[in-house]
Amino acid sequence: MLKINDIIKSLFSDEGFCTKYFCVKCSNEVKVKIYIDKDGYSVVEFDDKKPSINIKFISFNLNAIYLGDEGGYLSIGILPKIPFKYEWVLVPSGKIEDSYFE
């Protein structure tokens, strides 16, 4: 649960939720709906003012982030959900990586 809370807080920080694979930063104007779905994921769903997710040098609109016990999914446009594991995006100490351009 600590990882999920850290990720949600970082989405709205000045730096955003950034890993070496992707970066998401939400403005304070973005309205979100946070809920637990039927599969047990904590879902952060964005309103019409969707934040951009930057994957390397390509930017997409992010619909939602699904956060589970071991990892989650990114919901981007009409693409299928993109899975990730926390071990792929978080440093060993459990803190969010500083940069995704290594």
N, C-alpha and C. Protein backbone atom coordinates (compact mmCIF):
# COMPACT_ATOMS: atom_id res chain seq x y z
N MET A 1 0.81 -1.20 0.00
CA MET A 1 0.00 0.00 0.00
C MET A 1 0.86 1.26 0.00
N LEU A 2 2.05 1.18 0.64
CA LEU A 2 2.95 2.33 0.68
C LEU A 2 3.36 2.73 -0.73
N LYS A 3 3.66 1.76 -1.58
CA LYS A 3 4.05 2.07 -2.96
C LYS A 3 2.93 2.80 -3.68
N ILE A 4 1.70 2.35 -3.50
CA ILE A 4 0.56 2.97 -4.17
C ILE A 4 0.40 4.41 -3.69
N ASN A 5 0.48 4.64 -2.38
CA ASN A 5 0.37 6.00 -1.85
C ASN A 5 1.48 6.89 -2.38
N ASP A 6 2.72 6.37 -2.41
CA ASP A 6 3.85 7.15 -2.92
C ASP A 6 3.64 7.53 -4.39
N ILE A 7 3.13 6.61 -5.18
CA ILE A 7 2.91 6.88 -6.60
C ILE A 7 1.83 7.93 -6.79
N ILE A 8 0.73 7.80 -6.06
CA ILE A 8 -0.36 8.78 -6.19
C ILE A 8 0.12 10.17 -5.78
N LYS A 9 0.87 10.28 -4.66
CA LYS A 9 1.41 11.58 -4.25
C LYS A 9 2.37 12.13 -5.29
N SER A 10 3.20 11.28 -5.85
CA SER A 10 4.19 11.77 -6.81
C SER A 10 3.55 12.26 -8.11
N LEU A 11 2.38 11.73 -8.48
CA LEU A 11 1.70 12.19 -9.70
C LEU A 11 1.46 13.69 -9.67
N PHE A 12 1.20 14.23 -8.48
CA PHE A 12 0.85 15.65 -8.34
C PHE A 12 2.01 16.49 -7.81
N SER A 13 3.19 15.91 -7.72
CA SER A 13 4.36 16.66 -7.26
C SER A 13 4.95 17.46 -8.41
N ASP A 14 5.90 18.32 -8.09
CA ASP A 14 6.56 19.13 -9.13
C ASP A 14 7.31 18.25 -10.13
N GLU A 15 7.87 17.13 -9.66
CA GLU A 15 8.63 16.25 -10.54
C GLU A 15 7.75 15.25 -11.28
N GLY A 16 6.61 14.89 -10.71
CA GLY A 16 5.75 13.88 -11.29
C GLY A 16 6.20 12.48 -10.91
N PHE A 17 5.52 11.48 -11.42
CA PHE A 17 5.89 10.07 -11.22
C PHE A 17 6.76 9.68 -12.40
N CYS A 18 8.06 9.68 -12.18
CA CYS A 18 9.01 9.42 -13.26
C CYS A 18 9.85 8.20 -12.94
N THR A 19 10.02 7.37 -13.93
CA THR A 19 10.90 6.21 -13.85
C THR A 19 11.81 6.28 -15.07
N LYS A 20 12.67 5.28 -15.21
CA LYS A 20 13.52 5.31 -16.41
C LYS A 20 12.74 4.91 -17.66
N TYR A 21 11.47 4.51 -17.52
CA TYR A 21 10.67 4.09 -18.66
C TYR A 21 9.60 5.10 -19.07
N PHE A 22 9.04 5.82 -18.10
CA PHE A 22 7.99 6.76 -18.42
C PHE A 22 7.90 7.83 -17.33
N CYS A 23 7.18 8.92 -17.65
CA CYS A 23 6.99 10.00 -16.70
C CYS A 23 5.56 10.53 -16.85
N VAL A 24 4.87 10.69 -15.71
CA VAL A 24 3.51 11.24 -15.69
C VAL A 24 3.50 12.37 -14.66
N LYS A 25 3.00 13.53 -15.08
CA LYS A 25 2.88 14.66 -14.17
C LYS A 25 1.49 15.25 -14.33
N CYS A 26 0.76 15.37 -13.24
CA CYS A 26 -0.59 15.91 -13.27
C CYS A 26 -0.58 17.33 -12.73
N SER A 27 -1.34 18.19 -13.37
CA SER A 27 -1.52 19.53 -12.83
C SER A 27 -2.59 19.45 -11.74
N ASN A 28 -2.64 20.46 -10.92
CA ASN A 28 -3.65 20.49 -9.87
C ASN A 28 -5.05 20.70 -10.42
N GLU A 29 -5.17 21.06 -11.70
CA GLU A 29 -6.48 21.26 -12.33
C GLU A 29 -7.12 19.95 -12.76
N VAL A 30 -6.32 18.89 -12.85
CA VAL A 30 -6.83 17.59 -13.28
C VAL A 30 -7.66 17.00 -12.15
N LYS A 31 -8.85 16.56 -12.49
CA LYS A 31 -9.70 15.89 -11.52
C LYS A 31 -9.54 14.39 -11.71
N VAL A 32 -9.41 13.69 -10.60
CA VAL A 32 -9.24 12.25 -10.65
C VAL A 32 -10.33 11.56 -9.85
N LYS A 33 -10.57 10.33 -10.24
CA LYS A 33 -11.46 9.46 -9.48
C LYS A 33 -10.57 8.29 -9.03
N ILE A 34 -10.49 8.05 -7.75
CA ILE A 34 -9.68 6.95 -7.22
C ILE A 34 -10.63 5.94 -6.60
N TYR A 35 -10.49 4.68 -7.03
CA TYR A 35 -11.36 3.62 -6.52
C TYR A 35 -10.66 2.28 -6.64
N ILE A 36 -11.21 1.28 -6.01
CA ILE A 36 -10.72 -0.09 -6.11
C ILE A 36 -11.63 -0.82 -7.11
N ASP A 37 -11.02 -1.42 -8.15
CA ASP A 37 -11.84 -2.13 -9.14
C ASP A 37 -12.11 -3.56 -8.69
N LYS A 38 -12.88 -4.29 -9.49
CA LYS A 38 -13.29 -5.65 -9.13
C LYS A 38 -12.13 -6.62 -9.00
N ASP A 39 -10.98 -6.29 -9.63
CA ASP A 39 -9.80 -7.16 -9.55
C ASP A 39 -8.86 -6.76 -8.41
N GLY A 40 -9.25 -5.76 -7.61
CA GLY A 40 -8.46 -5.35 -6.46
C GLY A 40 -7.41 -4.29 -6.74
N TYR A 41 -7.40 -3.74 -7.95
CA TYR A 41 -6.44 -2.67 -8.27
C TYR A 41 -6.95 -1.33 -7.77
N SER A 42 -6.04 -0.51 -7.26
CA SER A 42 -6.36 0.89 -6.96
C SER A 42 -6.26 1.62 -8.28
N VAL A 43 -7.35 2.25 -8.71
CA VAL A 43 -7.40 2.89 -10.01
C VAL A 43 -7.40 4.41 -9.83
N VAL A 44 -6.50 5.07 -10.54
CA VAL A 44 -6.48 6.53 -10.60
C VAL A 44 -6.95 6.87 -12.01
N GLU A 45 -8.20 7.33 -12.12
CA GLU A 45 -8.82 7.61 -13.43
C GLU A 45 -8.91 9.12 -13.61
N PHE A 46 -8.54 9.60 -14.79
CA PHE A 46 -8.46 11.03 -15.05
C PHE A 46 -9.67 11.53 -15.82
N ASP A 47 -10.06 12.80 -15.57
CA ASP A 47 -11.21 13.40 -16.25
C ASP A 47 -10.82 13.80 -17.67
N ASP A 48 -11.57 14.72 -18.26
CA ASP A 48 -11.33 15.13 -19.65
C ASP A 48 -9.98 15.82 -19.85
N LYS A 49 -9.43 16.43 -18.79
CA LYS A 49 -8.11 17.06 -18.88
C LYS A 49 -7.04 16.03 -18.54
N LYS A 50 -6.88 15.03 -19.39
CA LYS A 50 -5.97 13.94 -19.12
C LYS A 50 -4.52 14.41 -19.13
N PRO A 51 -3.72 13.91 -18.19
CA PRO A 51 -2.31 14.26 -18.21
C PRO A 51 -1.61 13.53 -19.35
N SER A 52 -0.46 14.04 -19.72
CA SER A 52 0.36 13.36 -20.72
C SER A 52 1.28 12.38 -20.02
N ILE A 53 1.50 11.26 -20.67
CA ILE A 53 2.52 10.33 -20.22
C ILE A 53 3.60 10.35 -21.29
N ASN A 54 4.81 10.60 -20.87
CA ASN A 54 5.94 10.62 -21.78
C ASN A 54 6.69 9.31 -21.65
N ILE A 55 6.70 8.57 -22.75
CA ILE A 55 7.46 7.32 -22.80
C ILE A 55 8.63 7.58 -23.73
N LYS A 56 9.79 7.73 -23.09
CA LYS A 56 11.00 8.20 -23.77
C LYS A 56 10.67 9.54 -24.42
N PHE A 57 10.60 9.62 -25.75
CA PHE A 57 10.38 10.91 -26.40
C PHE A 57 9.01 11.02 -27.06
N ILE A 58 8.09 10.12 -26.71
CA ILE A 58 6.75 10.13 -27.29
C ILE A 58 5.75 10.44 -26.18
N SER A 59 4.78 11.28 -26.47
CA SER A 59 3.79 11.69 -25.47
C SER A 59 2.41 11.17 -25.85
N PHE A 60 1.68 10.64 -24.87
CA PHE A 60 0.32 10.13 -25.05
C PHE A 60 -0.56 10.72 -23.96
N ASN A 61 -1.88 10.68 -24.17
CA ASN A 61 -2.83 11.03 -23.11
C ASN A 61 -3.07 9.79 -22.26
N LEU A 62 -3.02 9.98 -20.96
CA LEU A 62 -3.19 8.87 -20.03
C LEU A 62 -4.62 8.85 -19.51
N ASN A 63 -5.31 7.73 -19.69
CA ASN A 63 -6.69 7.59 -19.21
C ASN A 63 -6.72 7.24 -17.73
N ALA A 64 -5.88 6.28 -17.32
CA ALA A 64 -5.91 5.81 -15.93
C ALA A 64 -4.64 5.03 -15.63
N ILE A 65 -4.35 4.92 -14.33
CA ILE A 65 -3.29 4.07 -13.83
C ILE A 65 -3.92 3.07 -12.88
N TYR A 66 -3.65 1.79 -13.08
CA TYR A 66 -4.15 0.72 -12.22
C TYR A 66 -2.97 0.26 -11.37
N LEU A 67 -3.11 0.32 -10.03
CA LEU A 67 -2.02 -0.01 -9.12
C LEU A 67 -2.42 -1.19 -8.24
N GLY A 68 -1.66 -2.27 -8.34
CA GLY A 68 -1.93 -3.47 -7.54
C GLY A 68 -0.82 -3.75 -6.56
N ASP A 69 -0.80 -4.95 -6.00
CA ASP A 69 0.19 -5.31 -4.99
C ASP A 69 1.61 -5.39 -5.56
N GLU A 70 1.77 -5.95 -6.74
CA GLU A 70 3.09 -6.17 -7.33
C GLU A 70 3.42 -5.24 -8.49
N GLY A 71 2.44 -4.56 -9.01
CA GLY A 71 2.63 -3.69 -10.16
C GLY A 71 1.29 -3.18 -10.63
N GLY A 72 1.23 -2.76 -11.88
CA GLY A 72 -0.03 -2.22 -12.37
C GLY A 72 -0.09 -2.17 -13.87
N TYR A 73 -0.99 -1.33 -14.35
CA TYR A 73 -1.22 -1.15 -15.78
C TYR A 73 -1.36 0.33 -16.07
N LEU A 74 -0.95 0.73 -17.26
CA LEU A 74 -1.20 2.07 -17.76
C LEU A 74 -2.28 1.96 -18.82
N SER A 75 -3.31 2.78 -18.74
CA SER A 75 -4.37 2.82 -19.75
C SER A 75 -4.15 4.07 -20.60
N ILE A 76 -3.74 3.85 -21.85
CA ILE A 76 -3.38 4.95 -22.75
C ILE A 76 -4.26 4.89 -23.99
N GLY A 77 -5.11 5.92 -24.18
CA GLY A 77 -5.95 5.99 -25.37
C GLY A 77 -6.70 4.70 -25.62
N ILE A 78 -6.67 4.25 -26.87
CA ILE A 78 -7.37 3.03 -27.24
C ILE A 78 -6.46 1.80 -27.23
N LEU A 79 -5.22 1.99 -26.79
CA LEU A 79 -4.27 0.88 -26.72
C LEU A 79 -4.68 -0.10 -25.62
N PRO A 80 -4.27 -1.36 -25.73
CA PRO A 80 -4.50 -2.28 -24.61
C PRO A 80 -3.72 -1.80 -23.38
N LYS A 81 -4.14 -2.19 -22.21
CA LYS A 81 -3.44 -1.80 -20.98
C LYS A 81 -1.98 -2.26 -21.05
N ILE A 82 -1.08 -1.39 -20.63
CA ILE A 82 0.35 -1.69 -20.64
C ILE A 82 0.76 -2.06 -19.21
N PRO A 83 1.19 -3.33 -18.99
CA PRO A 83 1.53 -3.75 -17.64
C PRO A 83 2.92 -3.26 -17.21
N PHE A 84 3.10 -3.08 -15.91
CA PHE A 84 4.42 -2.84 -15.35
C PHE A 84 4.48 -3.45 -13.95
N LYS A 85 5.66 -3.82 -13.53
CA LYS A 85 5.89 -4.32 -12.18
C LYS A 85 6.67 -3.25 -11.43
N TYR A 86 6.41 -3.11 -10.13
CA TYR A 86 7.11 -2.11 -9.34
C TYR A 86 8.62 -2.32 -9.39
N GLU A 87 9.05 -3.56 -9.43
CA GLU A 87 10.49 -3.83 -9.47
C GLU A 87 11.12 -3.29 -10.75
N TRP A 88 10.32 -3.09 -11.80
CA TRP A 88 10.84 -2.52 -13.04
C TRP A 88 10.99 -1.01 -12.94
N VAL A 89 10.13 -0.36 -12.16
CA VAL A 89 10.09 1.10 -12.17
C VAL A 89 10.53 1.77 -10.87
N LEU A 90 10.72 0.99 -9.81
CA LEU A 90 11.15 1.57 -8.54
C LEU A 90 12.57 1.10 -8.22
N VAL A 91 13.34 1.95 -7.60
CA VAL A 91 14.69 1.57 -7.19
C VAL A 91 14.59 0.58 -6.03
N PRO A 92 15.65 -0.16 -5.72
CA PRO A 92 15.58 -1.20 -4.69
C PRO A 92 15.08 -0.72 -3.33
N SER A 93 15.33 0.52 -2.97
CA SER A 93 14.89 1.02 -1.67
C SER A 93 13.38 1.22 -1.60
N GLY A 94 12.70 1.07 -2.74
CA GLY A 94 11.26 1.28 -2.79
C GLY A 94 10.89 2.70 -3.16
N LYS A 95 11.90 3.57 -3.30
CA LYS A 95 11.62 4.94 -3.68
C LYS A 95 11.52 5.03 -5.20
N ILE A 96 10.83 6.03 -5.67
CA ILE A 96 10.65 6.22 -7.09
C ILE A 96 11.95 6.74 -7.69
N GLU A 97 12.32 6.21 -8.85
CA GLU A 97 13.56 6.63 -9.49
C GLU A 97 13.52 8.11 -9.84
N ASP A 98 14.69 8.74 -9.83
CA ASP A 98 14.77 10.16 -10.09
C ASP A 98 14.62 10.51 -11.57
N SER A 99 15.12 9.66 -12.44
CA SER A 99 15.15 10.03 -13.85
C SER A 99 14.80 8.83 -14.71
N TYR A 100 14.14 9.10 -15.82
CA TYR A 100 13.84 8.02 -16.75
C TYR A 100 14.66 8.12 -18.02
N PHE A 101 15.63 9.03 -18.07
CA PHE A 101 16.49 9.18 -19.24
C PHE A 101 17.91 8.72 -18.93
N GLU A 102 18.08 7.49 -18.49
CA GLU A 102 19.41 7.00 -18.17
C GLU A 102 20.03 6.37 -19.39
